[in-house]
Amino acid sequence: MDTSPPAINNRISEEVVAEAIASVVESARYQGQSLDDLVAEVLQDDPILDQVQRQWLSKIVTQAWRSLP
């Protein structure tokens, strides 16, 4: 039995992904979370992303955190 996620035919634009990450960073800041808190959440086990993907995403979130006002 194949347990991989279903293939998605529609590509999500980089702009949409960037906006989503920026919204997550803004929300975390609003809730008083630190960058370390947010990265810890991103790195938690997840059925959708594997460990390599979570590591990559944590680096992107860190870059966004540092570059957003």
Protein backbone atom coordinates (compact mmCIF):
# COMPACT_ATOMS: atom_id res chain seq x y z
CA MET A 1 0.00 0.00 0.00
CA ASP A 2 1.37 3.40 -1.01
CA THR A 3 1.43 5.83 1.93
CA SER A 4 2.91 8.78 0.05
CA PRO A 5 0.80 11.92 -0.23
CA PRO A 6 -1.29 12.23 -3.37
CA ALA A 7 0.31 14.05 -6.28
CA ILE A 8 -0.85 17.61 -6.71
CA ASN A 9 -1.22 18.75 -10.29
CA ASN A 10 -1.52 22.45 -9.47
CA ARG A 11 1.73 24.16 -8.60
CA ILE A 12 1.67 26.71 -5.83
CA SER A 13 3.50 29.89 -6.75
CA GLU A 14 6.57 30.98 -4.84
CA GLU A 15 4.73 34.19 -3.99
CA VAL A 16 1.94 32.31 -2.23
CA VAL A 17 4.46 30.26 -0.25
CA ALA A 18 6.42 33.39 0.70
CA GLU A 19 3.21 35.10 1.86
CA ALA A 20 2.26 32.06 3.92
CA ILE A 21 5.67 31.94 5.62
CA ALA A 22 5.53 35.68 6.32
CA SER A 23 2.06 35.25 7.85
CA VAL A 24 3.31 32.43 10.09
CA VAL A 25 6.24 34.57 11.26
CA GLU A 26 3.98 37.55 11.94
CA SER A 27 1.50 35.37 13.82
CA ALA A 28 4.24 33.80 15.94
CA ARG A 29 5.61 37.21 16.86
CA TYR A 30 2.12 38.48 17.70
CA GLN A 31 1.65 35.50 20.02
CA GLY A 32 4.93 36.26 21.76
CA GLN A 33 6.83 33.29 20.39
CA SER A 34 10.57 33.46 19.86
CA LEU A 35 12.36 32.33 16.74
CA ASP A 36 13.54 29.27 18.68
CA ASP A 37 9.92 28.43 19.58
CA LEU A 38 8.83 28.68 15.95
CA VAL A 39 11.75 26.63 14.67
CA ALA A 40 11.01 23.95 17.27
CA GLU A 41 7.44 23.75 15.96
CA VAL A 42 8.64 23.45 12.37
CA LEU A 43 11.06 20.66 13.33
CA GLN A 44 8.43 18.57 15.16
CA ASP A 45 7.56 15.25 13.56
CA ASP A 46 4.98 15.73 10.85
CA PRO A 47 3.18 13.24 8.61
CA ILE A 48 3.46 15.57 5.59
CA LEU A 49 7.10 16.70 5.67
CA ASP A 50 10.09 14.46 6.22
CA GLN A 51 13.06 15.46 8.37
CA VAL A 52 15.05 16.92 5.46
CA GLN A 53 12.08 19.02 4.35
CA ARG A 54 11.49 20.25 7.92
CA GLN A 55 15.17 21.24 8.23
CA TRP A 56 14.98 23.13 4.94
CA LEU A 57 11.75 24.85 5.99
CA SER A 58 13.25 25.83 9.36
CA LYS A 59 16.08 27.61 7.53
CA ILE A 60 13.60 29.47 5.34
CA VAL A 61 11.53 30.45 8.40
CA THR A 62 14.69 31.69 10.13
CA GLN A 63 15.61 33.81 7.09
CA ALA A 64 12.10 35.24 6.99
CA TRP A 65 12.16 36.01 10.71
CA ARG A 66 15.43 37.91 10.36
CA SER A 67 14.44 39.81 7.22
CA LEU A 68 10.89 40.87 8.11
CA PRO A 69 10.46 44.12 10.04
